[in-house]
Every structure is written in C-alpha cells, then in structure tokens.
C-alpha cells in the first residue's frame, strides 16, 4: 500500500501569518519524504483561511526541487477554474522538472464562494469538468490541445515542452469523487478515484465499487487502487491521541461547514450538486456536534497499532487502496503536527507497505 501526505495550508492560528503557515506546511512535504512516505499531495483553494494553495502545480514545482523520490500529486486542480491548455502546459513542465513523479488529480470544486470569486457559474461545473477533463487528458497524451465543445474552444495548439514520449500518463490521472454524480465521469475518464473520508468505510464502499464496475466496463481493465484521504493524529498514548484528534478534527469539520456553506439551502438549486443537499439536511437534523463526532470517527487516529488496524479493516471491506493523511489542520501546534507525522512515518508506513489484499474487491 502506498501512503501519502496531504498538505492543507489552513490558517486557523491566532498568532501566525499566512506566510508563516504556508511555509511551515510546505516544509511538511520535505519531511514526508524524509520519514518514508511515498507521495505528497496538495489541493487548490482560494479566498479563505480554510485552505490557502491557489496553485498546487506551482507549489509542487517547489517541492520537486526539495525532494528526489516522492510522487507529487494534485488533490486536485479544480478544472472549471482553469484553462485546460494551461493545465496541460504546467503539468508537463512539472513532470519534466520532477523526473516523471507527477500524479495529476482533477476536481470540479464545491464552494459557492470560490465559484463566485472565480466568476464561474457553479451550475455549469459538471459540464465544464466533463468537457475540460477530457481535453486535459488528451493533451497530456498527444502533446497538443484541441477542442470544439460548448464551453472550451481551442484551436489545435502544440505544447512545448512536449510530453516525454517514453513516459506515459496512463495510470497517473486521478479524479475527486465526493458525490454519486462524480463517480461515473471519473471512471469513464480512466482516472483513479480520490475521496475524503466522511463516514464509515462500509458506506464509502458502495461508491468505490460502483466506480470499479464502471471503470471495468468502460476500459476492459482493472482499475487502480482508490485514494482515501484522512485527517489524522498519531501518538503513542491512546488517550492523548483521542483527545487531540477530537479537538482538532472536530474543528476542521466546523471549517468545512463554514467554507462550503453546508448550513445553506443552495445545493438543491444548483445543477449537479443536488446530492449535497441530503448531507446538509442530515447535518442539520443530527446537529453539528453529533455530525462532528461522527466525522472524527470516520477518519484515522490513534496509536500506530490502532491506526494500522483501522486501515486493515478498510482493506477487508474495499480491497487494496492508497492511503493519504493530512497532519496539519485547524490550528494544531506544529510541534504536535511534526511529531505525529514522524511517528506515523516510522511505525505506520512500514506496516502499510506490507499490506496487500488477496481479495478482488467490487466483484
């Protein structure tokens, strides 16, 4: 099992500037390689203290020069906010700089305030993603970008530097699927499914297995392992691990509610996002405190041994997967962040590297 670190860049500190938080989180990407992780990921967000990385490809270019081994993943580039031609250019350039270490993750975005700031109609997000994602994948493979769709008009344009002809992009495209509406497009694109843990693995299994079925039917091949993203805390003392995890993962959950406006009712009125209204209604009915408690338990925390067992249970349910863990979020002090990452790298990662399912999941 491959294991990665997700960089979040969330400034919920009272005494640190955005610059200080950004640089400290970036340094975690270097520590990830030092402590044995296989990959480093970062996502795209704008305009809020929820997450402050407006250009993940630029950030990963910096980490390409500070590392030599880890895969560099975008989790994800938000396709409707970016020109497809520019995504292809920047991804190829980063792939050259890193020696072929790029995993390009694509997503469609979820925050109304970010769509408004980017001046893009959120109601067009589904169609824009589906059209542009195919343009990007074709461009990476062909070395030129061309399209004549309803949203993206692009005359045939050769990309320079072009892709390395001896290095395929097959298996190096991922897509975020956080709702049933996104599962089929990601599978049809031939992309690895990425999802953030929101509830127990048994509930996630339905979507993961649906993606696998569509992938097999579309491509006549086995899909890659899905990527499961967690917010985590690792400590040798189980009581300390539980206390810290509940304090900070619950705070992170509250930041999700705020950033994505899950208290709002706009979801049912936005084409392509209606499924999120069900989740918003459930949060209101259960109460934020109860929902936050459930969210913490859906993620992975504890002693190294407890964490390994939680991952083992997931593997029993969904088969092989790739694990990703966020260590810095919600204003957690950096001494705790770095100690958690180091312990996880030293005691959890080696055990996960040994873990492989004998089951063929999703059949």
Protein backbone atom coordinates (compact mmCIF):
# COMPACT_ATOMS: atom_id res chain seq x y z
CA UNK A 1 0.00 0.00 0.00
CA UNK A 2 1.35 3.43 -0.95
CA UNK A 3 0.99 6.14 1.71
CA UNK A 4 0.93 9.89 1.14
CA UNK A 5 0.78 13.20 3.00
CA UNK A 6 -1.85 15.81 2.12
CA UNK A 7 -0.85 19.45 2.66
CA UNK A 8 -3.82 21.64 3.61
CA UNK A 9 -2.47 25.17 4.36
CA UNK A 10 -5.25 26.03 6.79
CA UNK A 11 -4.63 29.15 8.83
CA UNK A 12 -6.70 28.80 11.97
CA UNK A 13 -3.86 30.15 14.10
CA UNK A 14 -4.24 33.33 16.12
CA UNK A 15 -0.54 34.21 16.13
CA UNK A 16 0.80 33.10 12.72
CA UNK A 17 0.64 34.97 9.41
CA UNK A 18 -0.47 33.36 6.17
CA UNK A 19 3.14 33.35 5.02
CA UNK A 20 4.31 31.54 8.15
CA UNK A 21 1.61 28.87 7.86
CA UNK A 22 2.17 28.40 4.14
CA UNK A 23 5.92 27.90 4.55
CA UNK A 24 5.59 25.58 7.57
CA UNK A 25 3.06 23.39 5.74
CA UNK A 26 5.22 23.33 2.61
CA UNK A 27 8.11 22.06 4.72
CA UNK A 28 5.96 19.08 5.75
CA UNK A 29 6.25 17.90 2.16
CA UNK A 30 10.01 17.64 2.59
CA UNK A 31 9.59 15.85 5.93
CA UNK A 32 7.21 13.39 4.28
CA UNK A 33 9.99 12.10 2.05
CA UNK A 34 12.44 12.05 4.96
CA UNK A 35 10.09 9.91 7.06
CA UNK A 36 9.31 7.30 4.43
CA UNK A 37 6.05 8.42 2.82
CA UNK A 38 5.51 7.64 -0.86
CA UNK A 39 3.78 10.81 -2.04
CA UNK A 40 2.94 14.42 -1.23
CA UNK A 41 -0.36 15.98 -2.30
CA UNK A 42 -1.89 19.42 -2.22
CA UNK A 43 -5.18 20.82 -3.42
CA UNK A 44 -6.46 24.08 -4.92
CA UNK A 45 -8.42 26.56 -2.83
CA UNK A 46 -8.98 30.30 -2.93
CA UNK A 47 -10.03 33.31 -0.87
CA UNK A 48 -10.36 31.77 2.61
CA UNK A 49 -8.39 30.58 5.64
CA UNK A 50 -9.90 27.13 5.00
CA UNK A 51 -7.05 26.27 2.63
CA UNK A 52 -4.51 28.61 1.04
CA UNK A 53 -2.96 26.99 -2.02
CA UNK A 54 -4.32 28.73 -5.15
CA UNK A 55 -1.92 26.89 -7.48
CA UNK A 56 -0.97 23.32 -6.49
CA UNK A 57 1.24 22.81 -9.54
CA UNK A 58 3.37 25.82 -8.59
CA UNK A 59 3.74 24.54 -5.03
CA UNK A 60 4.68 21.06 -6.24
CA UNK A 61 7.33 22.58 -8.52
CA UNK A 62 8.98 23.91 -5.37
CA UNK A 63 8.76 20.50 -3.72
CA UNK A 64 10.14 18.85 -6.86
CA UNK A 65 13.36 20.74 -6.18
CA UNK A 66 13.38 19.86 -2.48
CA UNK A 67 12.72 16.12 -2.89
CA UNK A 68 14.00 13.28 -5.06
CA UNK A 69 11.70 10.30 -4.56
CA UNK A 70 8.10 11.05 -3.59
CA UNK A 71 5.26 11.22 -6.08
CA UNK A 72 3.89 14.76 -6.39
CA UNK A 73 0.09 14.77 -6.54
CA UNK A 74 -2.55 17.43 -7.05
CA UNK A 75 -5.57 16.65 -4.95
CA UNK A 76 -6.84 18.43 -7.01
CA UNK A 77 -6.58 21.05 -9.75
CA UNK A 78 -10.13 22.43 -9.93
CA UNK A 79 -10.85 22.09 -13.61
CA UNK A 80 -13.67 24.66 -14.11
CA UNK A 81 -11.42 27.41 -12.69
CA UNK A 82 -8.51 26.74 -15.03
CA UNK A 83 -7.84 26.90 -18.75
CA UNK A 84 -7.27 23.32 -19.98
CA UNK A 85 -4.34 24.35 -22.18
CA UNK A 86 -2.56 25.93 -19.20
CA UNK A 87 -3.14 22.85 -17.04
CA UNK A 88 -1.53 20.66 -19.71
CA UNK A 89 1.44 23.01 -20.07
CA UNK A 90 2.09 23.27 -16.35
CA UNK A 91 1.61 19.55 -15.67
CA UNK A 92 4.09 18.57 -18.39
CA UNK A 93 6.60 21.14 -17.19
CA UNK A 94 6.35 19.83 -13.61
CA UNK A 95 6.70 16.26 -14.89
CA UNK A 96 9.99 17.17 -16.56
CA UNK A 97 11.28 19.05 -13.51
CA UNK A 98 10.45 16.12 -11.23
CA UNK A 99 11.65 13.30 -13.47
CA UNK A 100 8.20 11.86 -14.06
CA UNK A 101 6.90 11.99 -10.50
CA UNK A 102 3.56 13.72 -11.18
CA UNK A 103 0.11 12.32 -10.38
CA UNK A 104 -2.39 14.81 -11.78
CA UNK A 105 -5.59 14.92 -9.75
CA UNK A 106 -8.60 16.77 -11.17
CA UNK A 107 -11.74 18.01 -9.39
CA UNK A 108 -14.76 20.21 -10.03
CA UNK A 109 -14.90 22.24 -6.80
CA UNK A 110 -17.61 22.59 -4.22
CA UNK A 111 -17.53 26.04 -2.57
CA UNK A 112 -20.03 28.65 -3.75
CA UNK A 113 -17.80 31.49 -2.54
CA UNK A 114 -14.89 30.21 -4.63
CA UNK A 115 -17.05 29.89 -7.74
CA UNK A 116 -18.28 33.44 -7.23
CA UNK A 117 -14.74 34.75 -6.78
CA UNK A 118 -13.55 32.93 -9.91
CA UNK A 119 -16.55 34.35 -11.84
CA UNK A 120 -17.70 30.91 -12.99
CA UNK A 121 -21.33 29.75 -12.87
CA UNK A 122 -21.41 26.88 -10.37
CA UNK A 123 -24.42 25.48 -12.22
CA UNK A 124 -22.12 24.75 -15.17
CA UNK A 125 -19.49 22.94 -13.09
CA UNK A 126 -20.46 19.40 -14.05
CA UNK A 127 -20.47 20.10 -17.78
CA UNK A 128 -17.29 22.18 -17.63
CA UNK A 129 -15.44 19.48 -15.72
CA UNK A 130 -16.53 16.67 -18.04
CA UNK A 131 -15.52 18.57 -21.16
CA UNK A 132 -12.27 20.08 -19.91
CA UNK A 133 -11.01 16.96 -18.13
CA UNK A 134 -11.11 15.02 -21.40
CA UNK A 135 -9.29 17.88 -23.15
CA UNK A 136 -6.56 17.80 -20.48
CA UNK A 137 -6.08 14.03 -20.63
CA UNK A 138 -5.91 14.06 -24.44
CA UNK A 139 -3.43 16.93 -24.33
CA UNK A 140 -1.10 15.13 -21.94
CA UNK A 141 -1.12 12.07 -24.18
CA UNK A 142 -0.88 13.83 -27.56
CA UNK A 143 1.30 16.86 -26.86
CA UNK A 144 -1.27 19.22 -28.36
CA UNK A 145 -4.56 20.67 -27.16
CA UNK A 146 -7.60 20.92 -29.40
CA UNK A 147 -11.32 21.19 -28.68
CA UNK A 148 -14.56 22.49 -30.15
CA UNK A 149 -17.04 21.99 -27.32
CA UNK A 150 -19.74 24.24 -25.90
CA UNK A 151 -17.52 25.61 -23.11
CA UNK A 152 -13.96 25.34 -24.45
CA UNK A 153 -13.00 26.46 -27.95
CA UNK A 154 -9.35 25.66 -28.57
CA UNK A 155 -7.66 25.59 -31.98
CA UNK A 156 -5.05 22.86 -32.26
CA UNK A 157 -2.03 24.12 -30.33
CA UNK A 158 1.20 22.23 -29.78
CA UNK A 159 2.53 22.27 -26.23
CA UNK A 160 6.22 22.97 -25.67
CA UNK A 161 7.97 21.48 -23.90
CA UNK A 162 6.09 18.45 -25.08
CA UNK A 163 5.47 15.31 -23.02
CA UNK A 164 8.24 12.75 -22.73
CA UNK A 165 7.38 10.13 -25.41
CA UNK A 166 8.96 7.39 -23.29
CA UNK A 167 6.86 8.22 -20.20
CA UNK A 168 3.15 7.51 -20.36
CA UNK A 169 0.46 9.37 -18.42
CA UNK A 170 -1.55 6.15 -18.16
CA UNK A 171 -2.30 5.47 -14.50
CA UNK A 172 -1.20 8.97 -13.50
CA UNK A 173 -4.56 10.74 -13.65
CA UNK A 174 -6.84 10.94 -10.59
CA UNK A 175 -10.25 12.46 -10.03
CA UNK A 176 -12.10 13.56 -6.91
CA UNK A 177 -15.44 11.82 -6.42
CA UNK A 178 -17.25 13.14 -3.36
CA UNK A 179 -20.79 12.60 -4.65
CA UNK A 180 -22.60 9.93 -6.70
CA UNK A 181 -22.72 12.42 -9.59
CA UNK A 182 -18.93 12.34 -9.93
CA UNK A 183 -18.31 8.58 -9.88
CA UNK A 184 -19.20 7.77 -13.50
CA UNK A 185 -17.25 10.68 -15.07
CA UNK A 186 -14.12 9.75 -13.11
CA UNK A 187 -14.40 6.09 -14.10
CA UNK A 188 -15.09 6.90 -17.75
CA UNK A 189 -12.07 9.20 -17.80
CA UNK A 190 -9.91 6.23 -16.76
CA UNK A 191 -8.87 8.04 -13.59
CA UNK A 192 -8.05 6.84 -10.10
CA UNK A 193 -10.89 7.66 -7.71
CA UNK A 194 -9.99 10.01 -4.85
CA UNK A 195 -12.31 10.62 -1.92
CA UNK A 196 -12.15 12.18 1.55
CA UNK A 197 -13.38 10.02 4.40
CA UNK A 198 -16.72 11.37 5.62
CA UNK A 199 -18.36 8.29 7.11
CA UNK A 200 -17.53 4.66 7.86
CA UNK A 201 -15.83 2.57 5.20
CA UNK A 202 -18.88 0.35 4.69
CA UNK A 203 -20.80 3.38 3.43
CA UNK A 204 -17.91 4.51 1.22
CA UNK A 205 -17.62 1.01 -0.26
CA UNK A 206 -20.79 1.46 -2.33
CA UNK A 207 -19.32 4.37 -4.29
CA UNK A 208 -15.88 2.79 -4.61
CA UNK A 209 -17.31 -0.43 -6.01
CA UNK A 210 -19.58 1.48 -8.39
CA UNK A 211 -16.52 3.31 -9.74
CA UNK A 212 -14.72 -0.01 -10.19
CA UNK A 213 -17.65 -1.51 -12.09
CA UNK A 214 -17.91 1.44 -14.50
CA UNK A 215 -14.13 1.54 -14.96
CA UNK A 216 -14.01 -2.16 -15.89
CA UNK A 217 -16.99 -1.87 -18.24
CA UNK A 218 -15.57 1.21 -19.96
CA UNK A 219 -11.90 0.27 -20.23
CA UNK A 220 -11.86 -3.54 -20.06
CA UNK A 221 -9.14 -3.39 -17.41
CA UNK A 222 -8.74 -3.45 -13.65
CA UNK A 223 -8.87 0.00 -12.03
CA UNK A 224 -6.01 1.25 -9.87
CA UNK A 225 -6.46 1.31 -6.08
CA UNK A 226 -8.67 4.21 -4.94
CA UNK A 227 -7.09 7.01 -2.88
CA UNK A 228 -8.67 7.52 0.57
CA UNK A 229 -7.90 10.84 2.27
CA UNK A 230 -7.96 11.20 6.08
CA UNK A 231 -7.32 13.84 8.70
CA UNK A 232 -5.23 12.10 11.29
CA UNK A 233 -3.30 12.28 14.53
CA UNK A 234 -0.80 9.67 15.69
CA UNK A 235 0.50 9.36 19.26
CA UNK A 236 1.86 6.55 21.45
CA UNK A 237 -0.68 7.35 24.20
CA UNK A 238 -4.18 6.30 23.07
CA UNK A 239 -5.94 8.76 25.39
CA UNK A 240 -3.82 11.66 24.17
CA UNK A 241 -4.37 10.61 20.56
CA UNK A 242 -8.14 10.53 21.06
CA UNK A 243 -8.27 13.86 22.87
CA UNK A 244 -6.16 15.72 20.30
CA UNK A 245 -7.93 14.10 17.35
CA UNK A 246 -11.35 15.02 18.65
CA UNK A 247 -10.32 18.58 19.40
CA UNK A 248 -8.71 19.35 16.06
CA UNK A 249 -10.55 17.11 13.60
CA UNK A 250 -13.83 18.45 15.01
CA UNK A 251 -12.51 21.99 14.47
CA UNK A 252 -11.57 21.04 10.93
CA UNK A 253 -15.09 19.68 10.38
CA UNK A 254 -16.51 23.03 11.50
CA UNK A 255 -14.27 24.78 8.97
CA UNK A 256 -15.73 22.52 6.26
CA UNK A 257 -19.26 23.52 7.29
CA UNK A 258 -18.28 27.20 7.11
CA UNK A 259 -16.28 27.13 3.87
CA UNK A 260 -18.76 25.08 1.88
CA UNK A 261 -21.81 26.69 3.50
CA UNK A 262 -23.36 23.37 4.41
CA UNK A 263 -25.91 25.24 6.50
CA UNK A 264 -27.25 26.77 3.29
CA UNK A 265 -30.01 25.52 1.01
CA UNK A 266 -28.38 26.46 -2.31
CA UNK A 267 -27.39 22.86 -3.06
CA UNK A 268 -30.81 21.76 -4.25
CA UNK A 269 -30.93 24.78 -6.55
CA UNK A 270 -27.51 24.16 -8.15
CA UNK A 271 -27.47 21.66 -11.04
CA UNK A 272 -25.04 18.82 -10.42
CA UNK A 273 -24.84 19.38 -6.66
CA UNK A 274 -28.27 18.24 -5.51
CA UNK A 275 -26.85 15.22 -3.67
CA UNK A 276 -25.03 17.53 -1.26
CA UNK A 277 -28.36 18.86 0.00
CA UNK A 278 -29.06 15.44 1.51
CA UNK A 279 -25.82 15.68 3.52
CA UNK A 280 -26.58 19.25 4.54
CA UNK A 281 -30.03 18.25 5.74
CA UNK A 282 -28.60 15.32 7.70
CA UNK A 283 -26.09 17.60 9.44
CA UNK A 284 -28.87 20.00 10.46
CA UNK A 285 -31.06 17.16 11.72
CA UNK A 286 -28.29 15.45 13.69
CA UNK A 287 -26.80 18.72 14.96
CA UNK A 288 -23.29 19.96 14.23
CA UNK A 289 -21.80 18.45 17.39
CA UNK A 290 -23.08 14.94 16.65
CA UNK A 291 -22.07 15.25 13.00
CA UNK A 292 -18.59 16.39 14.03
CA UNK A 293 -18.23 13.41 16.37
CA UNK A 294 -19.17 11.01 13.56
CA UNK A 295 -16.74 12.73 11.20
CA UNK A 296 -13.83 12.27 13.62
CA UNK A 297 -14.58 8.57 13.97
CA UNK A 298 -14.69 8.16 10.18
CA UNK A 299 -11.11 9.40 9.95
CA UNK A 300 -7.97 7.62 11.19
CA UNK A 301 -6.32 8.47 14.51
CA UNK A 302 -4.78 6.69 17.49
CA UNK A 303 -1.62 4.85 18.38
CA UNK A 304 0.39 3.39 15.49
CA UNK A 305 -1.09 -0.03 16.25
CA UNK A 306 -4.66 1.30 16.36
CA UNK A 307 -4.17 3.12 13.07
CA UNK A 308 -2.77 0.05 11.33
CA UNK A 309 -5.78 -1.97 12.48
CA UNK A 310 -8.20 0.68 11.17
CA UNK A 311 -6.50 0.55 7.78
CA UNK A 312 -6.57 -3.24 7.87
CA UNK A 313 -10.33 -3.17 8.45
CA UNK A 314 -10.77 -0.83 5.49
CA UNK A 315 -8.81 -3.17 3.30
CA UNK A 316 -11.03 -6.08 4.35
CA UNK A 317 -14.05 -4.05 3.21
CA UNK A 318 -12.86 -2.43 -0.04
CA UNK A 319 -9.69 -4.31 -1.01
CA UNK A 320 -6.46 -2.54 -1.92
CA UNK A 321 -6.37 1.23 -1.66
CA UNK A 322 -3.88 4.07 -1.38
CA UNK A 323 -3.81 5.96 1.93
CA UNK A 324 -3.37 9.70 2.29
CA UNK A 325 -3.13 11.53 5.62
CA UNK A 326 -3.33 15.23 6.50
CA UNK A 327 -1.40 16.11 9.65
CA UNK A 328 -1.62 19.91 9.80
CA UNK A 329 -5.08 21.48 10.10
CA UNK A 330 -7.36 23.56 12.34
CA UNK A 331 -4.51 25.36 14.10
CA UNK A 332 -2.86 22.26 15.57
CA UNK A 333 0.53 23.35 17.02
CA UNK A 334 3.39 22.46 14.71
CA UNK A 335 5.29 20.52 17.35
CA UNK A 336 2.32 18.12 17.57
CA UNK A 337 1.93 18.06 13.78
CA UNK A 338 5.56 17.15 13.14
CA UNK A 339 5.71 14.57 15.94
CA UNK A 340 2.53 12.92 14.62
CA UNK A 341 3.87 12.83 11.05
CA UNK A 342 7.22 11.42 12.18
CA UNK A 343 5.68 8.68 14.34
CA UNK A 344 3.23 7.75 11.58
CA UNK A 345 6.12 7.56 9.11
CA UNK A 346 8.30 5.45 11.39
CA UNK A 347 5.71 2.98 12.70
CA UNK A 348 2.62 3.04 10.48
CA UNK A 349 4.01 3.45 6.97
CA UNK A 350 6.26 0.34 7.10
CA UNK A 351 3.30 -1.79 8.20
CA UNK A 352 1.07 -0.39 5.44
CA UNK A 353 3.79 -1.11 2.89
CA UNK A 354 3.46 -4.79 3.80
CA UNK A 355 -0.33 -4.77 3.50
CA UNK A 356 -1.90 -6.25 0.40
CA UNK A 357 -5.36 -7.68 -0.06
CA UNK A 358 -5.91 -11.11 -1.56
CA UNK A 359 -9.48 -10.23 -2.43
CA UNK A 360 -10.66 -8.84 -5.73
CA UNK A 361 -12.85 -6.05 -4.41
CA UNK A 362 -16.00 -4.80 -6.04
CA UNK A 363 -16.92 -8.09 -7.69
